[in-house]
Amino acid sequence: MGRIIAGVAGGLALKSVPGDATRPTTDRVKEALFSRLETYGVLDGGRVLDLYAGSGALGVEAASRGARAVVLVEQAPKAVAACQANAGLVNRKIGRDAVAVRRGSVDAFLETEAATGRGWDLVLMDPPYPLGDAALAQTLARLVPVLDAGAVVVLERSTRSPEPAWPAGVVRFAERKYGETTLWFAEPVEPGP
């Protein structure tokens, strides 16, 4: 069972997704990730997307640490139920509805968001390992229109996976390996002349 590491809801136990279809981010990786994100200044008051959310552990951690609004996007019914439970726990603990859950595909959600013109400050992505490189590249391309200037994208993949094919408009600026997990950090860039 996971837990919130820090912030207003620090120490709160989270509901896990039953079965072995998801792989939770370890506390070690989560702590390293959020320490880095706090230095980037994208958490406090930020708008956060947690795509392929699983239990929603990364998104609710962001809410606990000061994110203004968090949306957990997940398609699998058991994972959606865990996201809803964890969003409810954290929302009650912090005293406001900061975390929302959207059931459906990540690509469909991004298509809808692009039409709204809203931007996001932080996007956390932990796609299933079976998601192929071409499908991931398409999702990353759909992500570009919903990023605010100064946004940070964090993509979690197996260390055995190749670097993602970053679309035009996004550039990788860091990579960190933690055992079997690699975190790729990217940011939006203005197109050149």
N, C-alpha and C. Protein backbone atom coordinates (compact mmCIF):
# COMPACT_ATOMS: atom_id res chain seq x y z
N MET A 1 0.84 -1.18 0.00
CA MET A 1 0.00 0.00 0.00
C MET A 1 0.88 1.25 0.00
N GLY A 2 0.57 2.19 -0.88
CA GLY A 2 1.33 3.43 -0.96
C GLY A 2 0.86 4.44 0.07
N ARG A 3 1.56 5.54 0.09
CA ARG A 3 1.20 6.61 1.02
C ARG A 3 1.61 7.94 0.44
N ILE A 4 1.04 9.01 0.97
CA ILE A 4 1.48 10.37 0.63
C ILE A 4 2.74 10.62 1.44
N ILE A 5 3.78 11.10 0.79
CA ILE A 5 5.06 11.27 1.46
C ILE A 5 5.13 12.58 2.25
N ALA A 6 4.66 13.68 1.66
CA ALA A 6 4.84 14.98 2.30
C ALA A 6 3.67 15.91 1.99
N GLY A 7 3.67 17.05 2.64
CA GLY A 7 2.64 18.05 2.41
C GLY A 7 1.51 17.93 3.42
N VAL A 8 0.41 18.59 3.12
CA VAL A 8 -0.74 18.65 4.01
C VAL A 8 -1.28 17.27 4.34
N ALA A 9 -1.27 16.36 3.36
CA ALA A 9 -1.81 15.02 3.56
C ALA A 9 -0.70 13.99 3.80
N GLY A 10 0.50 14.44 4.15
CA GLY A 10 1.64 13.55 4.38
C GLY A 10 1.31 12.43 5.35
N GLY A 11 1.70 11.20 5.00
CA GLY A 11 1.48 10.03 5.84
C GLY A 11 0.17 9.32 5.56
N LEU A 12 -0.72 9.92 4.79
CA LEU A 12 -2.01 9.32 4.49
C LEU A 12 -1.83 8.06 3.64
N ALA A 13 -2.42 6.94 4.07
CA ALA A 13 -2.35 5.68 3.31
C ALA A 13 -3.28 5.76 2.12
N LEU A 14 -2.80 5.27 0.98
CA LEU A 14 -3.57 5.31 -0.27
C LEU A 14 -4.07 3.93 -0.65
N LYS A 15 -5.19 3.92 -1.34
CA LYS A 15 -5.75 2.67 -1.87
C LYS A 15 -4.93 2.26 -3.10
N SER A 16 -4.59 0.97 -3.18
CA SER A 16 -3.86 0.44 -4.32
C SER A 16 -4.83 -0.13 -5.35
N VAL A 17 -4.34 -0.27 -6.57
CA VAL A 17 -5.13 -0.92 -7.61
C VAL A 17 -4.97 -2.43 -7.44
N PRO A 18 -6.08 -3.17 -7.29
CA PRO A 18 -5.96 -4.62 -7.12
C PRO A 18 -5.37 -5.28 -8.37
N GLY A 19 -4.66 -6.37 -8.16
CA GLY A 19 -4.06 -7.10 -9.28
C GLY A 19 -2.66 -6.60 -9.58
N ASP A 20 -2.13 -7.08 -10.71
CA ASP A 20 -0.76 -6.69 -11.07
C ASP A 20 -0.69 -5.96 -12.40
N ALA A 21 -1.81 -5.33 -12.81
CA ALA A 21 -1.84 -4.61 -14.08
C ALA A 21 -1.13 -3.27 -14.00
N THR A 22 -0.94 -2.73 -12.79
CA THR A 22 -0.23 -1.47 -12.64
C THR A 22 1.03 -1.70 -11.82
N ARG A 23 1.98 -0.80 -11.95
CA ARG A 23 3.21 -0.88 -11.16
C ARG A 23 3.39 0.45 -10.46
N PRO A 24 3.16 0.46 -9.16
CA PRO A 24 3.25 1.72 -8.41
C PRO A 24 4.67 2.28 -8.43
N THR A 25 4.75 3.60 -8.48
CA THR A 25 6.03 4.28 -8.35
C THR A 25 6.52 4.09 -6.92
N THR A 26 7.76 3.66 -6.75
CA THR A 26 8.28 3.42 -5.41
C THR A 26 8.40 4.73 -4.63
N ASP A 27 8.36 4.63 -3.31
CA ASP A 27 8.52 5.83 -2.48
C ASP A 27 9.85 6.52 -2.76
N ARG A 28 10.89 5.75 -3.01
CA ARG A 28 12.21 6.32 -3.29
C ARG A 28 12.18 7.20 -4.55
N VAL A 29 11.56 6.68 -5.61
CA VAL A 29 11.46 7.43 -6.85
C VAL A 29 10.55 8.63 -6.67
N LYS A 30 9.43 8.42 -5.97
CA LYS A 30 8.48 9.52 -5.74
C LYS A 30 9.13 10.66 -4.96
N GLU A 31 9.89 10.32 -3.92
CA GLU A 31 10.55 11.36 -3.13
C GLU A 31 11.56 12.13 -3.97
N ALA A 32 12.36 11.41 -4.76
CA ALA A 32 13.34 12.08 -5.61
C ALA A 32 12.65 12.97 -6.65
N LEU A 33 11.58 12.46 -7.24
CA LEU A 33 10.84 13.22 -8.24
C LEU A 33 10.29 14.51 -7.66
N PHE A 34 9.60 14.41 -6.52
CA PHE A 34 8.96 15.60 -5.97
C PHE A 34 9.96 16.59 -5.38
N SER A 35 11.08 16.12 -4.90
CA SER A 35 12.13 17.05 -4.47
C SER A 35 12.60 17.89 -5.64
N ARG A 36 12.77 17.24 -6.79
CA ARG A 36 13.19 17.95 -8.00
C ARG A 36 12.10 18.91 -8.47
N LEU A 37 10.85 18.45 -8.48
CA LEU A 37 9.76 19.31 -8.95
C LEU A 37 9.59 20.55 -8.08
N GLU A 38 9.82 20.41 -6.78
CA GLU A 38 9.72 21.58 -5.91
C GLU A 38 10.76 22.63 -6.27
N THR A 39 11.94 22.20 -6.71
CA THR A 39 12.96 23.18 -7.12
C THR A 39 12.57 23.88 -8.42
N TYR A 40 11.75 23.24 -9.24
CA TYR A 40 11.30 23.85 -10.50
C TYR A 40 10.15 24.84 -10.28
N GLY A 41 9.52 24.79 -9.12
CA GLY A 41 8.44 25.73 -8.81
C GLY A 41 7.14 25.47 -9.55
N VAL A 42 6.89 24.23 -9.96
CA VAL A 42 5.66 23.93 -10.71
C VAL A 42 4.56 23.35 -9.83
N LEU A 43 4.84 23.11 -8.57
CA LEU A 43 3.84 22.49 -7.70
C LEU A 43 2.95 23.50 -7.00
N ASP A 44 3.53 24.46 -6.32
CA ASP A 44 2.76 25.39 -5.49
C ASP A 44 1.83 26.23 -6.36
N GLY A 45 0.54 25.97 -6.25
CA GLY A 45 -0.45 26.71 -7.02
C GLY A 45 -0.58 26.25 -8.46
N GLY A 46 0.11 25.18 -8.84
CA GLY A 46 0.11 24.72 -10.23
C GLY A 46 -1.09 23.88 -10.59
N ARG A 47 -1.28 23.74 -11.90
CA ARG A 47 -2.30 22.85 -12.47
C ARG A 47 -1.57 21.61 -12.96
N VAL A 48 -2.01 20.43 -12.49
CA VAL A 48 -1.28 19.18 -12.71
C VAL A 48 -2.16 18.14 -13.39
N LEU A 49 -1.62 17.51 -14.42
CA LEU A 49 -2.25 16.35 -15.05
C LEU A 49 -1.47 15.11 -14.67
N ASP A 50 -2.16 14.07 -14.23
CA ASP A 50 -1.55 12.76 -13.96
C ASP A 50 -2.17 11.81 -14.98
N LEU A 51 -1.44 11.54 -16.06
CA LEU A 51 -1.93 10.72 -17.16
C LEU A 51 -1.52 9.27 -16.95
N TYR A 52 -2.40 8.33 -17.31
CA TYR A 52 -2.20 6.91 -17.00
C TYR A 52 -2.02 6.81 -15.49
N ALA A 53 -2.95 7.36 -14.75
CA ALA A 53 -2.77 7.64 -13.32
C ALA A 53 -2.62 6.42 -12.43
N GLY A 54 -3.08 5.25 -12.85
CA GLY A 54 -3.02 4.09 -11.95
C GLY A 54 -3.87 4.36 -10.72
N SER A 55 -3.25 4.38 -9.55
CA SER A 55 -3.97 4.70 -8.31
C SER A 55 -4.10 6.21 -8.08
N GLY A 56 -3.41 6.99 -8.90
CA GLY A 56 -3.42 8.45 -8.72
C GLY A 56 -2.41 8.94 -7.71
N ALA A 57 -1.49 8.06 -7.29
CA ALA A 57 -0.55 8.40 -6.21
C ALA A 57 0.30 9.63 -6.53
N LEU A 58 0.73 9.78 -7.77
CA LEU A 58 1.56 10.95 -8.10
C LEU A 58 0.73 12.23 -8.08
N GLY A 59 -0.46 12.17 -8.65
CA GLY A 59 -1.31 13.35 -8.66
C GLY A 59 -1.73 13.81 -7.29
N VAL A 60 -2.12 12.86 -6.42
CA VAL A 60 -2.54 13.27 -5.08
C VAL A 60 -1.35 13.76 -4.25
N GLU A 61 -0.16 13.24 -4.54
CA GLU A 61 1.05 13.77 -3.88
C GLU A 61 1.24 15.24 -4.27
N ALA A 62 1.01 15.55 -5.55
CA ALA A 62 1.13 16.93 -6.01
C ALA A 62 0.12 17.83 -5.29
N ALA A 63 -1.11 17.34 -5.12
CA ALA A 63 -2.13 18.12 -4.41
C ALA A 63 -1.73 18.35 -2.96
N SER A 64 -1.19 17.32 -2.32
CA SER A 64 -0.75 17.44 -0.93
C SER A 64 0.35 18.48 -0.79
N ARG A 65 1.15 18.62 -1.84
CA ARG A 65 2.29 19.55 -1.80
C ARG A 65 1.96 20.93 -2.37
N GLY A 66 0.69 21.21 -2.59
CA GLY A 66 0.31 22.58 -2.92
C GLY A 66 -0.23 22.84 -4.30
N ALA A 67 -0.39 21.82 -5.15
CA ALA A 67 -0.98 22.05 -6.47
C ALA A 67 -2.41 22.57 -6.30
N ARG A 68 -2.79 23.53 -7.11
CA ARG A 68 -4.12 24.13 -7.04
C ARG A 68 -5.18 23.18 -7.59
N ALA A 69 -4.89 22.54 -8.71
CA ALA A 69 -5.85 21.64 -9.35
C ALA A 69 -5.10 20.46 -9.94
N VAL A 70 -5.65 19.26 -9.75
CA VAL A 70 -5.05 18.03 -10.26
C VAL A 70 -6.14 17.22 -10.94
N VAL A 71 -5.84 16.72 -12.13
CA VAL A 71 -6.76 15.81 -12.81
C VAL A 71 -6.04 14.49 -13.03
N LEU A 72 -6.67 13.41 -12.55
CA LEU A 72 -6.17 12.06 -12.72
C LEU A 72 -6.91 11.45 -13.91
N VAL A 73 -6.18 11.02 -14.94
CA VAL A 73 -6.80 10.44 -16.13
C VAL A 73 -6.43 8.97 -16.19
N GLU A 74 -7.46 8.12 -16.20
CA GLU A 74 -7.24 6.67 -16.18
C GLU A 74 -8.40 6.00 -16.90
N GLN A 75 -8.11 4.87 -17.54
CA GLN A 75 -9.13 4.16 -18.30
C GLN A 75 -9.60 2.87 -17.63
N ALA A 76 -8.70 2.14 -16.99
CA ALA A 76 -9.04 0.83 -16.41
C ALA A 76 -9.99 1.00 -15.23
N PRO A 77 -11.12 0.27 -15.21
CA PRO A 77 -12.13 0.45 -14.15
C PRO A 77 -11.59 0.29 -12.72
N LYS A 78 -10.75 -0.72 -12.46
CA LYS A 78 -10.23 -0.90 -11.10
C LYS A 78 -9.32 0.27 -10.71
N ALA A 79 -8.54 0.76 -11.66
CA ALA A 79 -7.67 1.90 -11.38
C ALA A 79 -8.49 3.17 -11.16
N VAL A 80 -9.56 3.35 -11.96
CA VAL A 80 -10.44 4.51 -11.77
C VAL A 80 -11.03 4.50 -10.37
N ALA A 81 -11.45 3.34 -9.90
CA ALA A 81 -12.01 3.24 -8.55
C ALA A 81 -10.97 3.63 -7.50
N ALA A 82 -9.72 3.19 -7.68
CA ALA A 82 -8.65 3.57 -6.74
C ALA A 82 -8.40 5.07 -6.81
N CYS A 83 -8.38 5.63 -8.02
CA CYS A 83 -8.19 7.09 -8.17
C CYS A 83 -9.28 7.86 -7.44
N GLN A 84 -10.54 7.41 -7.61
CA GLN A 84 -11.65 8.11 -6.97
C GLN A 84 -11.54 8.05 -5.45
N ALA A 85 -11.16 6.88 -4.94
CA ALA A 85 -11.00 6.74 -3.49
C ALA A 85 -9.88 7.63 -2.98
N ASN A 86 -8.75 7.64 -3.67
CA ASN A 86 -7.61 8.43 -3.22
C ASN A 86 -7.86 9.93 -3.38
N ALA A 87 -8.54 10.32 -4.46
CA ALA A 87 -8.90 11.73 -4.63
C ALA A 87 -9.80 12.18 -3.48
N GLY A 88 -10.78 11.34 -3.12
CA GLY A 88 -11.68 11.69 -2.02
C GLY A 88 -10.94 11.83 -0.70
N LEU A 89 -10.01 10.91 -0.43
CA LEU A 89 -9.22 10.97 0.81
C LEU A 89 -8.43 12.27 0.89
N VAL A 90 -7.75 12.60 -0.18
CA VAL A 90 -6.89 13.79 -0.18
C VAL A 90 -7.73 15.06 -0.17
N ASN A 91 -8.80 15.09 -0.95
CA ASN A 91 -9.65 16.29 -0.94
C ASN A 91 -10.20 16.56 0.46
N ARG A 92 -10.63 15.51 1.16
CA ARG A 92 -11.12 15.71 2.54
C ARG A 92 -10.00 16.21 3.45
N LYS A 93 -8.82 15.65 3.31
CA LYS A 93 -7.70 16.02 4.18
C LYS A 93 -7.28 17.47 3.97
N ILE A 94 -7.25 17.92 2.70
CA ILE A 94 -6.79 19.29 2.45
C ILE A 94 -7.95 20.30 2.51
N GLY A 95 -9.18 19.79 2.61
CA GLY A 95 -10.32 20.68 2.82
C GLY A 95 -10.85 21.37 1.58
N ARG A 96 -10.57 20.84 0.40
CA ARG A 96 -11.12 21.42 -0.83
C ARG A 96 -11.05 20.38 -1.94
N ASP A 97 -11.81 20.60 -3.00
CA ASP A 97 -11.81 19.66 -4.12
C ASP A 97 -10.71 20.02 -5.11
N ALA A 98 -9.49 19.66 -4.77
CA ALA A 98 -8.34 19.95 -5.63
C ALA A 98 -8.12 18.86 -6.68
N VAL A 99 -8.54 17.62 -6.37
CA VAL A 99 -8.26 16.48 -7.24
C VAL A 99 -9.55 15.98 -7.87
N ALA A 100 -9.54 15.86 -9.20
CA ALA A 100 -10.68 15.31 -9.94
C ALA A 100 -10.20 14.10 -10.73
N VAL A 101 -11.12 13.22 -11.07
CA VAL A 101 -10.80 12.00 -11.81
C VAL A 101 -11.58 12.02 -13.12
N ARG A 102 -10.91 11.70 -14.22
CA ARG A 102 -11.55 11.58 -15.53
C ARG A 102 -11.30 10.16 -16.04
N ARG A 103 -12.39 9.46 -16.30
CA ARG A 103 -12.27 8.10 -16.84
C ARG A 103 -12.29 8.17 -18.36
N GLY A 104 -11.29 7.53 -18.97
CA GLY A 104 -11.23 7.48 -20.42
C GLY A 104 -9.79 7.41 -20.88
N SER A 105 -9.63 7.42 -22.19
CA SER A 105 -8.28 7.31 -22.74
C SER A 105 -7.55 8.65 -22.61
N VAL A 106 -6.27 8.56 -22.44
CA VAL A 106 -5.43 9.75 -22.33
C VAL A 106 -5.51 10.57 -23.62
N ASP A 107 -5.46 9.90 -24.77
CA ASP A 107 -5.49 10.63 -26.04
C ASP A 107 -6.80 11.40 -26.21
N ALA A 108 -7.94 10.77 -25.87
CA ALA A 108 -9.23 11.46 -25.98
C ALA A 108 -9.28 12.65 -25.03
N PHE A 109 -8.77 12.49 -23.82
CA PHE A 109 -8.74 13.59 -22.86
C PHE A 109 -7.91 14.76 -23.41
N LEU A 110 -6.73 14.46 -23.95
CA LEU A 110 -5.86 15.52 -24.48
C LEU A 110 -6.49 16.24 -25.66
N GLU A 111 -7.19 15.50 -26.51
CA GLU A 111 -7.89 16.13 -27.65
C GLU A 111 -8.92 17.14 -27.14
N THR A 112 -9.69 16.75 -26.14
CA THR A 112 -10.70 17.63 -25.56
C THR A 112 -10.05 18.84 -24.90
N GLU A 113 -8.98 18.62 -24.14
CA GLU A 113 -8.29 19.72 -23.46
C GLU A 113 -7.70 20.73 -24.44
N ALA A 114 -7.16 20.25 -25.55
CA ALA A 114 -6.57 21.15 -26.54
C ALA A 114 -7.61 22.14 -27.06
N ALA A 115 -8.86 21.71 -27.15
CA ALA A 115 -9.93 22.58 -27.64
C ALA A 115 -10.32 23.65 -26.62
N THR A 116 -10.02 23.42 -25.34
CA THR A 116 -10.42 24.39 -24.31
C THR A 116 -9.47 25.58 -24.21
N GLY A 117 -8.23 25.38 -24.64
CA GLY A 117 -7.24 26.45 -24.53
C GLY A 117 -6.62 26.56 -23.15
N ARG A 118 -7.01 25.68 -22.21
CA ARG A 118 -6.40 25.69 -20.87
C ARG A 118 -5.02 25.09 -20.95
N GLY A 119 -4.12 25.61 -20.13
CA GLY A 119 -2.77 25.06 -20.08
C GLY A 119 -2.48 24.42 -18.73
N TRP A 120 -1.50 23.51 -18.72
CA TRP A 120 -1.11 22.78 -17.53
C TRP A 120 0.34 23.08 -17.19
N ASP A 121 0.63 23.16 -15.89
CA ASP A 121 1.98 23.48 -15.42
C ASP A 121 2.86 22.25 -15.27
N LEU A 122 2.25 21.12 -14.96
CA LEU A 122 2.99 19.88 -14.73
C LEU A 122 2.19 18.72 -15.28
N VAL A 123 2.85 17.87 -16.05
CA VAL A 123 2.21 16.66 -16.56
C VAL A 123 3.06 15.47 -16.14
N LEU A 124 2.43 14.56 -15.41
CA LEU A 124 3.07 13.33 -14.95
C LEU A 124 2.53 12.19 -15.79
N MET A 125 3.42 11.42 -16.41
CA MET A 125 3.00 10.33 -17.29
C MET A 125 3.71 9.05 -16.89
N ASP A 126 2.94 8.02 -16.62
CA ASP A 126 3.49 6.70 -16.33
C ASP A 126 2.72 5.68 -17.17
N PRO A 127 2.95 5.70 -18.50
CA PRO A 127 2.18 4.82 -19.37
C PRO A 127 2.51 3.36 -19.15
N PRO A 128 1.57 2.48 -19.48
CA PRO A 128 1.86 1.05 -19.35
C PRO A 128 3.06 0.67 -20.22
N TYR A 129 3.89 -0.23 -19.71
CA TYR A 129 5.06 -0.65 -20.48
C TYR A 129 4.70 -1.19 -21.86
N PRO A 130 3.58 -1.92 -22.02
CA PRO A 130 3.26 -2.43 -23.35
C PRO A 130 2.92 -1.33 -24.37
N LEU A 131 2.67 -0.10 -23.92
CA LEU A 131 2.39 0.98 -24.87
C LEU A 131 3.62 1.16 -25.75
N GLY A 132 3.45 1.00 -27.04
CA GLY A 132 4.56 1.06 -27.98
C GLY A 132 5.11 2.46 -28.17
N ASP A 133 6.31 2.52 -28.72
CA ASP A 133 6.98 3.80 -28.93
C ASP A 133 6.19 4.72 -29.86
N ALA A 134 5.59 4.17 -30.91
CA ALA A 134 4.82 4.99 -31.86
C ALA A 134 3.59 5.57 -31.19
N ALA A 135 2.88 4.76 -30.41
CA ALA A 135 1.69 5.25 -29.70
C ALA A 135 2.07 6.31 -28.67
N LEU A 136 3.18 6.10 -27.97
CA LEU A 136 3.65 7.09 -27.00
C LEU A 136 4.01 8.39 -27.70
N ALA A 137 4.66 8.32 -28.85
CA ALA A 137 5.03 9.53 -29.61
C ALA A 137 3.78 10.31 -30.01
N GLN A 138 2.72 9.61 -30.40
CA GLN A 138 1.47 10.28 -30.77
C GLN A 138 0.85 10.98 -29.56
N THR A 139 0.89 10.32 -28.41
CA THR A 139 0.35 10.93 -27.19
C THR A 139 1.15 12.17 -26.81
N LEU A 140 2.47 12.08 -26.89
CA LEU A 140 3.31 13.24 -26.58
C LEU A 140 3.01 14.40 -27.52
N ALA A 141 2.75 14.12 -28.79
CA ALA A 141 2.41 15.19 -29.74
C ALA A 141 1.08 15.84 -29.35
N ARG A 142 0.12 15.03 -28.87
CA ARG A 142 -1.17 15.59 -28.44
C ARG A 142 -1.03 16.43 -27.17
N LEU A 143 0.02 16.18 -26.43
CA LEU A 143 0.25 16.89 -25.17
C LEU A 143 0.72 18.34 -25.39
N VAL A 144 1.47 18.58 -26.45
CA VAL A 144 2.11 19.89 -26.67
C VAL A 144 1.12 21.05 -26.58
N PRO A 145 -0.06 20.99 -27.21
CA PRO A 145 -0.96 22.16 -27.16
C PRO A 145 -1.55 22.47 -25.79
N VAL A 146 -1.44 21.56 -24.84
CA VAL A 146 -2.04 21.82 -23.52
C VAL A 146 -1.02 22.25 -22.48
N LEU A 147 0.22 22.48 -22.89
CA LEU A 147 1.27 22.87 -21.95
C LEU A 147 1.36 24.38 -21.84
N ASP A 148 1.43 24.89 -20.61
CA ASP A 148 1.72 26.30 -20.38
C ASP A 148 3.21 26.55 -20.61
N ALA A 149 3.56 27.78 -20.91
CA ALA A 149 4.98 28.15 -20.97
C ALA A 149 5.57 27.88 -19.60
N GLY A 150 6.73 27.29 -19.55
CA GLY A 150 7.36 26.97 -18.27
C GLY A 150 6.89 25.66 -17.67
N ALA A 151 6.05 24.92 -18.38
CA ALA A 151 5.55 23.63 -17.87
C ALA A 151 6.67 22.60 -17.82
N VAL A 152 6.45 21.58 -17.02
CA VAL A 152 7.37 20.44 -16.94
C VAL A 152 6.57 19.17 -17.23
N VAL A 153 7.15 18.32 -18.08
CA VAL A 153 6.57 17.00 -18.37
C VAL A 153 7.52 15.97 -17.79
N VAL A 154 6.97 15.03 -17.02
CA VAL A 154 7.77 13.94 -16.46
C VAL A 154 7.20 12.63 -16.99
N LEU A 155 8.05 11.87 -17.67
CA LEU A 155 7.66 10.59 -18.24
C LEU A 155 8.43 9.48 -17.55
N GLU A 156 7.69 8.56 -16.96
CA GLU A 156 8.31 7.43 -16.25
C GLU A 156 8.25 6.20 -17.15
N ARG A 157 9.40 5.57 -17.36
CA ARG A 157 9.48 4.38 -18.21
C ARG A 157 10.47 3.39 -17.61
N SER A 158 10.45 2.19 -18.14
CA SER A 158 11.44 1.19 -17.77
C SER A 158 12.81 1.66 -18.23
N THR A 159 13.82 1.36 -17.45
CA THR A 159 15.19 1.71 -17.83
C THR A 159 15.57 1.02 -19.14
N ARG A 160 14.93 -0.09 -19.46
CA ARG A 160 15.22 -0.81 -20.70
C ARG A 160 14.57 -0.17 -21.92
N SER A 161 13.64 0.76 -21.71
CA SER A 161 12.96 1.42 -22.83
C SER A 161 13.86 2.49 -23.43
N PRO A 162 13.75 2.71 -24.73
CA PRO A 162 14.54 3.78 -25.35
C PRO A 162 14.00 5.15 -24.96
N GLU A 163 14.79 6.17 -25.18
CA GLU A 163 14.31 7.54 -24.96
C GLU A 163 13.10 7.78 -25.85
N PRO A 164 12.07 8.42 -25.33
CA PRO A 164 10.89 8.69 -26.16
C PRO A 164 11.23 9.59 -27.34
N ALA A 165 10.44 9.51 -28.37
CA ALA A 165 10.57 10.41 -29.52
C ALA A 165 9.81 11.68 -29.17
N TRP A 166 10.55 12.71 -28.77
CA TRP A 166 9.92 13.96 -28.36
C TRP A 166 9.41 14.70 -29.58
N PRO A 167 8.18 15.20 -29.55
CA PRO A 167 7.63 15.91 -30.71
C PRO A 167 8.19 17.33 -30.79
N ALA A 168 7.98 17.96 -31.93
CA ALA A 168 8.32 19.37 -32.07
C ALA A 168 7.55 20.14 -31.01
N GLY A 169 8.19 21.10 -30.39
CA GLY A 169 7.55 21.90 -29.36
C GLY A 169 7.88 21.46 -27.95
N VAL A 170 8.59 20.32 -27.80
CA VAL A 170 9.00 19.82 -26.49
C VAL A 170 10.44 19.35 -26.58
N VAL A 171 11.22 19.65 -25.55
CA VAL A 171 12.62 19.20 -25.53
C VAL A 171 12.94 18.60 -24.17
N ARG A 172 13.68 17.50 -24.20
CA ARG A 172 14.13 16.87 -22.96
C ARG A 172 15.23 17.73 -22.35
N PHE A 173 15.16 17.91 -21.02
CA PHE A 173 16.23 18.66 -20.37
C PHE A 173 16.91 17.87 -19.25
N ALA A 174 16.38 16.71 -18.89
CA ALA A 174 17.04 15.90 -17.86
C ALA A 174 16.54 14.47 -17.94
N GLU A 175 17.34 13.58 -17.37
CA GLU A 175 17.01 12.16 -17.27
C GLU A 175 17.62 11.65 -15.97
N ARG A 176 16.83 10.89 -15.22
CA ARG A 176 17.32 10.32 -13.97
C ARG A 176 16.93 8.85 -13.91
N LYS A 177 17.89 8.00 -13.53
CA LYS A 177 17.63 6.57 -13.42
C LYS A 177 17.63 6.15 -11.97
N TYR A 178 16.64 5.33 -11.62
CA TYR A 178 16.50 4.78 -10.27
C TYR A 178 16.22 3.29 -10.42
N GLY A 179 17.26 2.47 -10.44
CA GLY A 179 17.08 1.04 -10.62
C GLY A 179 16.43 0.73 -11.96
N GLU A 180 15.24 0.13 -11.93
CA GLU A 180 14.52 -0.24 -13.15
C GLU A 180 13.68 0.89 -13.73
N THR A 181 13.71 2.05 -13.10
CA THR A 181 12.88 3.18 -13.52
C THR A 181 13.73 4.32 -14.04
N THR A 182 13.32 4.88 -15.16
CA THR A 182 13.94 6.10 -15.68
C THR A 182 12.88 7.19 -15.73
N LEU A 183 13.23 8.37 -15.25
CA LEU A 183 12.38 9.54 -15.35
C LEU A 183 12.97 10.47 -16.40
N TRP A 184 12.17 10.81 -17.40
CA TRP A 184 12.56 11.76 -18.43
C TRP A 184 11.86 13.07 -18.14
N PHE A 185 12.58 14.18 -18.14
CA PHE A 185 12.02 15.50 -17.89
C PHE A 185 12.09 16.31 -19.18
N ALA A 186 10.98 16.95 -19.54
CA ALA A 186 10.93 17.75 -20.76
C ALA A 186 10.17 19.02 -20.49
N GLU A 187 10.33 19.98 -21.41
CA GLU A 187 9.65 21.27 -21.29
C GLU A 187 9.28 21.77 -22.68
N PRO A 188 8.26 22.63 -22.75
CA PRO A 188 7.89 23.19 -24.05
C PRO A 188 8.93 24.20 -24.51
N VAL A 189 9.09 24.29 -25.81
CA VAL A 189 9.98 25.28 -26.41
C VAL A 189 9.25 25.99 -27.53
N GLU A 190 9.63 27.23 -27.74
CA GLU A 190 9.05 27.99 -28.86
C GLU A 190 9.67 27.49 -30.15
N PRO A 191 8.86 27.34 -31.20
CA PRO A 191 9.42 26.90 -32.48
C PRO A 191 10.41 27.94 -33.02
N GLY A 192 11.46 27.43 -33.63
CA GLY A 192 12.47 28.32 -34.20
C GLY A 192 11.99 28.97 -35.50
N PRO A 193 12.75 29.95 -35.99
CA PRO A 193 12.34 30.65 -37.22
C PRO A 193 12.45 29.76 -38.44
